[in-house]
Amino acid sequence: MNTITLEVNGNFEQIQKIIDLIKAIENGDISYQGITTTSPVIKASVMLALYNIIEATTTKLLKKIHKEIIQSQTPYKKLSTNIKNLVILYYHYHKNKSNNIHESLNVIHDTINMIINKDNFNLSYDEMSEVYQLYSGNLDAREIRKIFTKYDIVISEGIGQNLKTIKDVRNILAHGEQAFEDYGRMIVLASLESHFANTKDFLTEVIKSVSKYLEQKNYREQPTQPPQQRRRRGRK
């Protein structure tokens, strides 16, 4: 998890330097031929870079979760219901995408062996994504919360509101609906800094939640509290 945190922080540091450059240009601290006209393009590029960090970090965290569960050598019966569901969904989509049942025999055997406890969880995120994708672009805070809920990870509400705007702008720019320069002329530096700070805070919270999830091994089935114990606590 430290590697992911370092990479994310490094990416944000690079974007912060770009924002500082934009600020210097607008304040007149930097001036040479052509730099003023490229400032709007740089602003638009920052929005694109923020979205790329959002998507890359989400993917890295999902890969990390699968890797940690595999390394834990947890048998299927001891997994949480949601993780069990991912295994079943992978099997279902793999079977449906195959033109011939024989193409899915290995997956079927692996799934059966896992369920009857001959094998531990061994499904990597890349392998699962080949047939069952949790997302295909268009990530914002709402969608990211929905994705991690499939792993029993709850991301705090009340943060990440700016991610929808970042996603929408990314789509507009990526699909050529608006030129980088035209969009860059519309957005003020204060808004850019707000998007930057909100994205950084949100991803920091996501990384924190995933880290806690892995440390506490919440991908495993949690013991049920005895009814009598629950009643005693309720009286207090």
Foldseek 3Di string as FASTA:
>chain_A
DVVLVVVLVVLLVVLVVLLVVLVCVVVVVDDDPPPVLCSLLSLLVSLLSLLVSVVVSLVVLLQVVLVLQVVVFAALVFFAPLVVVLLVVLLVQVCVPDPDNVVSVVSVVVSVCRVVRVGHRDDGPVNSCVRDNLDDALDFPVSSQVSCVSQVFHFDPPARPLRNVSSVSNVCDVVVVDDSSVNSVVDDSVVSVVSSVRSVVRSVRVVVRSVVCSVVVVRTHDDDDDPVVVVVVVVD
